[in-house]
Amino acid sequence: VLLAPALSFAEEFEVQMLNQGTDGVMVFEPSVLQIQVGDSVTFTPSNPGHNSASMAGMIPAGAEAWDSGMSQSITVTFTEEGTYVYQCTPHLMMAMVGVVTVGDPNANLGAVKGSAVDAKSSFMMAQDRLDTYLNGL
């Protein structure tokens, strides 16, 4: 008996870049998003003056980095399993960061948490925001 392989359909998600949201000022919403390999996320600047950019050392090995450019939408298809941390570059000091987990978040979570120590040192406010996101995984 020959069985046809299961068809998987990639899903599409949206993350808003906001001046004010559930987690306070200068946030991505949702701030933590859990998806599967092959899914796509569109980062939308709902308020102008933001971007979405992956953070060096805080994405899985082999994953492609991204940077939307200021006030630009970008759609990213996630092809590597693990935890991805991204930022709004001009608002990083305000801890404008977000997390996307793809499949098993633990694939690179230790490395991400190690890099987070350095990233947090530049936050002028909401210093615990990234820890809260990562510790909730």
N, C-alpha and C. Protein backbone atom coordinates (compact mmCIF):
# COMPACT_ATOMS: atom_id res chain seq x y z
N VAL A 1 0.86 -1.18 0.00
CA VAL A 1 0.00 0.00 0.00
C VAL A 1 0.90 1.24 0.00
N LEU A 2 0.63 2.14 -0.90
CA LEU A 2 1.39 3.38 -0.99
C LEU A 2 0.58 4.49 -0.32
N LEU A 3 1.19 5.15 0.64
CA LEU A 3 0.50 6.24 1.33
C LEU A 3 1.03 7.58 0.81
N ALA A 4 0.12 8.46 0.50
CA ALA A 4 0.52 9.80 0.05
C ALA A 4 1.08 10.56 1.24
N PRO A 5 2.14 11.34 1.04
CA PRO A 5 2.67 12.12 2.16
C PRO A 5 1.64 13.16 2.61
N ALA A 6 1.67 13.43 3.89
CA ALA A 6 0.75 14.44 4.42
C ALA A 6 1.10 15.81 3.83
N LEU A 7 0.09 16.50 3.41
CA LEU A 7 0.32 17.85 2.87
C LEU A 7 0.32 18.84 4.02
N SER A 8 1.31 19.69 4.04
CA SER A 8 1.32 20.73 5.07
C SER A 8 1.18 22.07 4.37
N PHE A 9 0.38 22.89 4.95
CA PHE A 9 0.15 24.21 4.37
C PHE A 9 0.75 25.25 5.30
N ALA A 10 1.66 26.04 4.77
CA ALA A 10 2.29 27.08 5.57
C ALA A 10 1.25 28.13 5.94
N GLU A 11 1.37 28.65 7.13
CA GLU A 11 0.46 29.69 7.58
C GLU A 11 1.15 31.05 7.51
N GLU A 12 0.32 32.09 7.48
CA GLU A 12 0.83 33.47 7.46
C GLU A 12 0.35 34.19 8.70
N PHE A 13 1.25 34.95 9.30
CA PHE A 13 0.95 35.69 10.53
C PHE A 13 1.33 37.15 10.33
N GLU A 14 0.82 38.01 11.21
CA GLU A 14 1.17 39.43 11.16
C GLU A 14 1.59 39.90 12.54
N VAL A 15 2.65 40.71 12.57
CA VAL A 15 3.12 41.36 13.79
C VAL A 15 3.07 42.86 13.52
N GLN A 16 2.44 43.60 14.41
CA GLN A 16 2.32 45.06 14.29
C GLN A 16 3.50 45.74 15.00
N MET A 17 4.00 46.82 14.41
CA MET A 17 5.00 47.67 15.06
C MET A 17 4.23 48.87 15.61
N LEU A 18 4.24 49.02 16.94
CA LEU A 18 3.37 50.01 17.58
C LEU A 18 4.12 50.96 18.52
N ASN A 19 3.62 52.20 18.59
CA ASN A 19 4.13 53.15 19.59
C ASN A 19 3.63 52.78 20.98
N GLN A 20 2.42 52.20 21.04
CA GLN A 20 1.79 51.83 22.32
C GLN A 20 1.03 50.54 22.11
N GLY A 21 1.21 49.59 23.03
CA GLY A 21 0.52 48.31 22.90
C GLY A 21 0.33 47.66 24.25
N THR A 22 -0.05 46.40 24.24
CA THR A 22 -0.34 45.65 25.46
C THR A 22 0.82 45.67 26.45
N ASP A 23 2.06 45.55 25.94
CA ASP A 23 3.23 45.48 26.82
C ASP A 23 3.85 46.84 27.13
N GLY A 24 3.18 47.94 26.72
CA GLY A 24 3.71 49.26 27.03
C GLY A 24 4.00 50.05 25.77
N VAL A 25 5.03 50.92 25.85
CA VAL A 25 5.38 51.76 24.71
C VAL A 25 6.46 51.09 23.87
N MET A 26 6.46 51.41 22.58
CA MET A 26 7.44 50.90 21.62
C MET A 26 7.50 49.36 21.69
N VAL A 27 6.47 48.73 21.09
CA VAL A 27 6.35 47.27 21.17
C VAL A 27 5.98 46.67 19.81
N PHE A 28 6.25 45.39 19.71
CA PHE A 28 5.74 44.57 18.63
C PHE A 28 4.55 43.81 19.21
N GLU A 29 3.52 43.63 18.40
CA GLU A 29 2.35 42.91 18.89
C GLU A 29 1.84 41.96 17.83
N PRO A 30 1.75 40.64 18.13
CA PRO A 30 2.11 40.05 19.42
C PRO A 30 3.63 40.09 19.64
N SER A 31 4.02 40.16 20.90
CA SER A 31 5.44 40.29 21.24
C SER A 31 6.16 38.95 21.13
N VAL A 32 5.43 37.86 21.38
CA VAL A 32 5.98 36.52 21.24
C VAL A 32 5.02 35.74 20.35
N LEU A 33 5.56 35.15 19.30
CA LEU A 33 4.74 34.43 18.34
C LEU A 33 5.32 33.04 18.14
N GLN A 34 4.48 32.02 18.24
CA GLN A 34 4.92 30.64 18.03
C GLN A 34 4.37 30.15 16.70
N ILE A 35 5.28 29.72 15.80
CA ILE A 35 4.89 29.27 14.47
C ILE A 35 5.64 27.97 14.14
N GLN A 36 5.44 27.48 12.92
CA GLN A 36 6.11 26.25 12.47
C GLN A 36 7.04 26.57 11.30
N VAL A 37 7.99 25.68 11.05
CA VAL A 37 8.90 25.83 9.91
C VAL A 37 8.08 25.97 8.64
N GLY A 38 8.43 26.96 7.82
CA GLY A 38 7.73 27.21 6.56
C GLY A 38 6.68 28.30 6.67
N ASP A 39 6.28 28.67 7.88
CA ASP A 39 5.31 29.75 8.06
C ASP A 39 5.97 31.10 7.79
N SER A 40 5.13 32.08 7.46
CA SER A 40 5.61 33.45 7.18
C SER A 40 5.01 34.43 8.17
N VAL A 41 5.79 35.47 8.45
CA VAL A 41 5.33 36.56 9.31
C VAL A 41 5.54 37.87 8.55
N THR A 42 4.48 38.68 8.48
CA THR A 42 4.60 40.02 7.92
C THR A 42 4.68 41.00 9.08
N PHE A 43 5.77 41.76 9.11
CA PHE A 43 5.96 42.80 10.13
C PHE A 43 5.44 44.09 9.52
N THR A 44 4.41 44.67 10.13
CA THR A 44 3.71 45.83 9.59
C THR A 44 3.92 47.06 10.47
N PRO A 45 4.44 48.16 9.90
CA PRO A 45 4.61 49.39 10.69
C PRO A 45 3.28 50.12 10.85
N SER A 46 2.48 49.68 11.84
CA SER A 46 1.18 50.30 12.09
C SER A 46 1.34 51.75 12.48
N ASN A 47 2.43 52.07 13.15
CA ASN A 47 2.82 53.45 13.42
C ASN A 47 4.14 53.67 12.68
N PRO A 48 4.32 54.84 12.03
CA PRO A 48 5.56 55.07 11.28
C PRO A 48 6.76 55.23 12.20
N GLY A 49 7.95 55.08 11.60
CA GLY A 49 9.19 55.30 12.34
C GLY A 49 9.76 54.04 12.97
N HIS A 50 9.27 52.86 12.53
CA HIS A 50 9.76 51.60 13.07
C HIS A 50 10.30 50.71 11.96
N ASN A 51 11.12 49.74 12.34
CA ASN A 51 11.55 48.69 11.43
C ASN A 51 11.55 47.38 12.19
N SER A 52 11.74 46.29 11.46
CA SER A 52 11.92 44.98 12.06
C SER A 52 13.23 44.44 11.52
N ALA A 53 14.14 44.11 12.43
CA ALA A 53 15.46 43.61 12.03
C ALA A 53 15.87 42.50 12.99
N SER A 54 16.31 41.37 12.43
CA SER A 54 16.81 40.29 13.28
C SER A 54 18.05 40.79 14.02
N MET A 55 18.28 40.21 15.20
CA MET A 55 19.41 40.62 16.02
C MET A 55 20.54 39.61 15.86
N ALA A 56 21.73 40.10 15.58
CA ALA A 56 22.91 39.25 15.38
C ALA A 56 23.11 38.35 16.60
N GLY A 57 23.36 37.08 16.35
CA GLY A 57 23.60 36.13 17.43
C GLY A 57 22.35 35.65 18.12
N MET A 58 21.18 36.10 17.65
CA MET A 58 19.93 35.77 18.33
C MET A 58 18.92 35.14 17.37
N ILE A 59 19.44 34.47 16.33
CA ILE A 59 18.61 33.68 15.43
C ILE A 59 19.32 32.34 15.23
N PRO A 60 18.59 31.30 14.81
CA PRO A 60 19.23 29.98 14.65
C PRO A 60 20.35 29.99 13.60
N ALA A 61 21.29 29.10 13.77
CA ALA A 61 22.35 28.91 12.77
C ALA A 61 21.70 28.54 11.44
N GLY A 62 22.17 29.16 10.38
CA GLY A 62 21.63 28.86 9.05
C GLY A 62 20.43 29.69 8.68
N ALA A 63 19.86 30.42 9.64
CA ALA A 63 18.70 31.26 9.35
C ALA A 63 19.16 32.55 8.68
N GLU A 64 18.30 33.09 7.83
CA GLU A 64 18.63 34.31 7.11
C GLU A 64 18.24 35.54 7.93
N ALA A 65 19.16 36.47 8.06
CA ALA A 65 18.88 37.73 8.77
C ALA A 65 17.96 38.59 7.92
N TRP A 66 17.25 39.54 8.56
CA TRP A 66 16.39 40.45 7.82
C TRP A 66 16.43 41.84 8.43
N ASP A 67 16.09 42.83 7.62
CA ASP A 67 15.94 44.22 8.06
C ASP A 67 14.97 44.89 7.10
N SER A 68 13.83 45.31 7.62
CA SER A 68 12.76 45.81 6.77
C SER A 68 13.03 47.20 6.19
N GLY A 69 13.91 47.94 6.80
CA GLY A 69 14.02 49.35 6.42
C GLY A 69 12.96 50.14 7.17
N MET A 70 13.19 51.41 7.34
CA MET A 70 12.33 52.25 8.16
C MET A 70 10.93 52.41 7.58
N SER A 71 9.92 52.18 8.42
CA SER A 71 8.50 52.32 8.06
C SER A 71 8.10 51.44 6.88
N GLN A 72 8.79 50.32 6.71
CA GLN A 72 8.50 49.39 5.62
C GLN A 72 8.00 48.07 6.19
N SER A 73 7.01 47.48 5.50
CA SER A 73 6.59 46.13 5.83
C SER A 73 7.59 45.15 5.25
N ILE A 74 7.71 43.99 5.88
CA ILE A 74 8.54 42.92 5.35
C ILE A 74 7.88 41.60 5.73
N THR A 75 7.92 40.66 4.80
CA THR A 75 7.42 39.32 5.09
C THR A 75 8.62 38.38 5.12
N VAL A 76 8.74 37.65 6.22
CA VAL A 76 9.85 36.73 6.43
C VAL A 76 9.28 35.31 6.51
N THR A 77 9.84 34.40 5.70
CA THR A 77 9.48 32.99 5.79
C THR A 77 10.56 32.31 6.64
N PHE A 78 10.12 31.64 7.68
CA PHE A 78 11.04 31.04 8.65
C PHE A 78 11.32 29.59 8.26
N THR A 79 12.59 29.30 7.95
CA THR A 79 12.98 27.99 7.43
C THR A 79 13.79 27.16 8.42
N GLU A 80 14.24 27.75 9.51
CA GLU A 80 15.06 27.04 10.50
C GLU A 80 14.33 27.02 11.84
N GLU A 81 14.35 25.85 12.49
CA GLU A 81 13.72 25.72 13.79
C GLU A 81 14.52 26.45 14.86
N GLY A 82 13.82 27.04 15.82
CA GLY A 82 14.50 27.69 16.95
C GLY A 82 13.85 29.00 17.34
N THR A 83 14.60 29.76 18.11
CA THR A 83 14.13 31.05 18.64
C THR A 83 14.82 32.19 17.88
N TYR A 84 14.00 33.16 17.46
CA TYR A 84 14.48 34.35 16.75
C TYR A 84 14.13 35.57 17.59
N VAL A 85 15.11 36.44 17.84
CA VAL A 85 14.84 37.70 18.51
C VAL A 85 15.10 38.81 17.50
N TYR A 86 14.18 39.77 17.45
CA TYR A 86 14.31 40.88 16.50
C TYR A 86 14.05 42.19 17.21
N GLN A 87 14.43 43.27 16.54
CA GLN A 87 14.38 44.60 17.15
C GLN A 87 13.82 45.62 16.19
N CYS A 88 13.41 46.74 16.77
CA CYS A 88 13.24 47.99 16.02
C CYS A 88 14.52 48.75 16.31
N THR A 89 15.35 48.91 15.30
CA THR A 89 16.69 49.46 15.49
C THR A 89 16.70 50.82 16.20
N PRO A 90 15.89 51.84 15.76
CA PRO A 90 15.98 53.13 16.46
C PRO A 90 15.40 53.10 17.87
N HIS A 91 14.60 52.08 18.20
CA HIS A 91 13.98 52.03 19.53
C HIS A 91 14.50 50.87 20.38
N LEU A 92 15.68 50.35 20.02
CA LEU A 92 16.25 49.26 20.80
C LEU A 92 16.50 49.69 22.24
N MET A 93 16.94 50.94 22.44
CA MET A 93 17.21 51.39 23.80
C MET A 93 15.94 51.44 24.64
N MET A 94 14.77 51.41 23.97
CA MET A 94 13.49 51.37 24.67
C MET A 94 12.97 49.93 24.74
N ALA A 95 13.87 48.98 24.49
CA ALA A 95 13.56 47.54 24.54
C ALA A 95 12.45 47.16 23.57
N MET A 96 12.45 47.78 22.38
CA MET A 96 11.47 47.39 21.36
C MET A 96 12.01 46.16 20.65
N VAL A 97 11.69 45.01 21.25
CA VAL A 97 12.15 43.71 20.76
C VAL A 97 10.97 42.76 20.71
N GLY A 98 11.12 41.71 19.93
CA GLY A 98 10.09 40.68 19.86
C GLY A 98 10.74 39.33 19.64
N VAL A 99 9.94 38.28 19.81
CA VAL A 99 10.44 36.91 19.70
C VAL A 99 9.51 36.10 18.81
N VAL A 100 10.09 35.35 17.89
CA VAL A 100 9.36 34.37 17.11
C VAL A 100 10.01 33.02 17.40
N THR A 101 9.19 32.05 17.81
CA THR A 101 9.71 30.69 17.97
C THR A 101 9.17 29.86 16.83
N VAL A 102 10.05 29.06 16.25
CA VAL A 102 9.70 28.22 15.11
C VAL A 102 9.92 26.77 15.52
N GLY A 103 8.83 26.01 15.59
CA GLY A 103 8.95 24.64 16.05
C GLY A 103 9.43 24.61 17.49
N ASP A 104 10.53 23.90 17.74
CA ASP A 104 11.07 23.77 19.09
C ASP A 104 11.92 24.99 19.43
N PRO A 105 11.46 25.84 20.38
CA PRO A 105 12.22 27.04 20.73
C PRO A 105 13.56 26.73 21.38
N ASN A 106 13.71 25.53 21.94
CA ASN A 106 14.93 25.18 22.67
C ASN A 106 16.11 24.87 21.76
N ALA A 107 15.88 24.80 20.45
CA ALA A 107 16.95 24.45 19.52
C ALA A 107 18.17 25.36 19.70
N ASN A 108 17.95 26.64 19.98
CA ASN A 108 19.06 27.59 20.17
C ASN A 108 18.81 28.54 21.33
N LEU A 109 17.90 28.18 22.23
CA LEU A 109 17.49 29.11 23.29
C LEU A 109 18.64 29.46 24.23
N GLY A 110 19.51 28.51 24.52
CA GLY A 110 20.66 28.80 25.39
C GLY A 110 21.54 29.88 24.81
N ALA A 111 21.84 29.78 23.52
CA ALA A 111 22.67 30.78 22.85
C ALA A 111 21.98 32.14 22.82
N VAL A 112 20.67 32.14 22.57
CA VAL A 112 19.92 33.39 22.53
C VAL A 112 19.94 34.07 23.90
N LYS A 113 19.72 33.29 24.95
CA LYS A 113 19.73 33.87 26.30
C LYS A 113 21.10 34.44 26.63
N GLY A 114 22.17 33.79 26.15
CA GLY A 114 23.52 34.32 26.36
C GLY A 114 23.71 35.65 25.66
N SER A 115 23.25 35.75 24.42
CA SER A 115 23.36 37.00 23.66
C SER A 115 22.46 38.08 24.24
N ALA A 116 21.37 37.68 24.86
CA ALA A 116 20.42 38.65 25.43
C ALA A 116 21.06 39.47 26.54
N VAL A 117 22.01 38.88 27.24
CA VAL A 117 22.69 39.61 28.33
C VAL A 117 23.33 40.88 27.77
N ASP A 118 24.03 40.75 26.64
CA ASP A 118 24.66 41.92 26.01
C ASP A 118 23.62 42.89 25.46
N ALA A 119 22.60 42.35 24.80
CA ALA A 119 21.57 43.21 24.18
C ALA A 119 20.88 44.07 25.24
N LYS A 120 20.56 43.47 26.39
CA LYS A 120 19.85 44.20 27.44
C LYS A 120 20.65 45.35 28.00
N SER A 121 21.98 45.28 27.89
CA SER A 121 22.81 46.34 28.47
C SER A 121 22.57 47.68 27.77
N SER A 122 22.00 47.65 26.56
CA SER A 122 21.73 48.90 25.85
C SER A 122 20.32 49.44 26.11
N PHE A 123 19.49 48.68 26.83
CA PHE A 123 18.12 49.12 27.10
C PHE A 123 18.14 50.21 28.17
N MET A 124 17.47 51.33 27.88
CA MET A 124 17.37 52.43 28.85
C MET A 124 16.10 52.29 29.69
N MET A 125 15.15 51.48 29.21
CA MET A 125 13.90 51.26 29.94
C MET A 125 13.44 49.83 29.64
N ALA A 126 12.49 49.35 30.42
CA ALA A 126 11.93 48.00 30.25
C ALA A 126 13.03 46.95 30.13
N GLN A 127 14.04 47.05 31.01
CA GLN A 127 15.18 46.14 30.93
C GLN A 127 14.80 44.67 31.07
N ASP A 128 13.67 44.38 31.71
CA ASP A 128 13.27 42.99 31.91
C ASP A 128 12.37 42.45 30.80
N ARG A 129 12.04 43.28 29.83
CA ARG A 129 11.08 42.86 28.78
C ARG A 129 11.56 41.62 28.04
N LEU A 130 12.81 41.62 27.57
CA LEU A 130 13.32 40.49 26.81
C LEU A 130 13.39 39.23 27.67
N ASP A 131 13.85 39.38 28.91
CA ASP A 131 13.90 38.22 29.82
C ASP A 131 12.50 37.64 30.01
N THR A 132 11.53 38.48 30.20
CA THR A 132 10.15 38.03 30.38
C THR A 132 9.69 37.22 29.18
N TYR A 133 9.97 37.72 27.98
CA TYR A 133 9.58 37.00 26.77
C TYR A 133 10.27 35.64 26.69
N LEU A 134 11.60 35.63 26.90
CA LEU A 134 12.37 34.40 26.75
C LEU A 134 12.06 33.39 27.85
N ASN A 135 11.85 33.87 29.08
CA ASN A 135 11.56 32.96 30.18
C ASN A 135 10.17 32.36 30.08
N GLY A 136 9.30 32.97 29.25
CA GLY A 136 7.96 32.45 29.06
C GLY A 136 7.88 31.35 28.02
N LEU A 137 9.00 31.07 27.34
CA LEU A 137 8.98 30.06 26.28
C LEU A 137 8.94 28.64 26.85
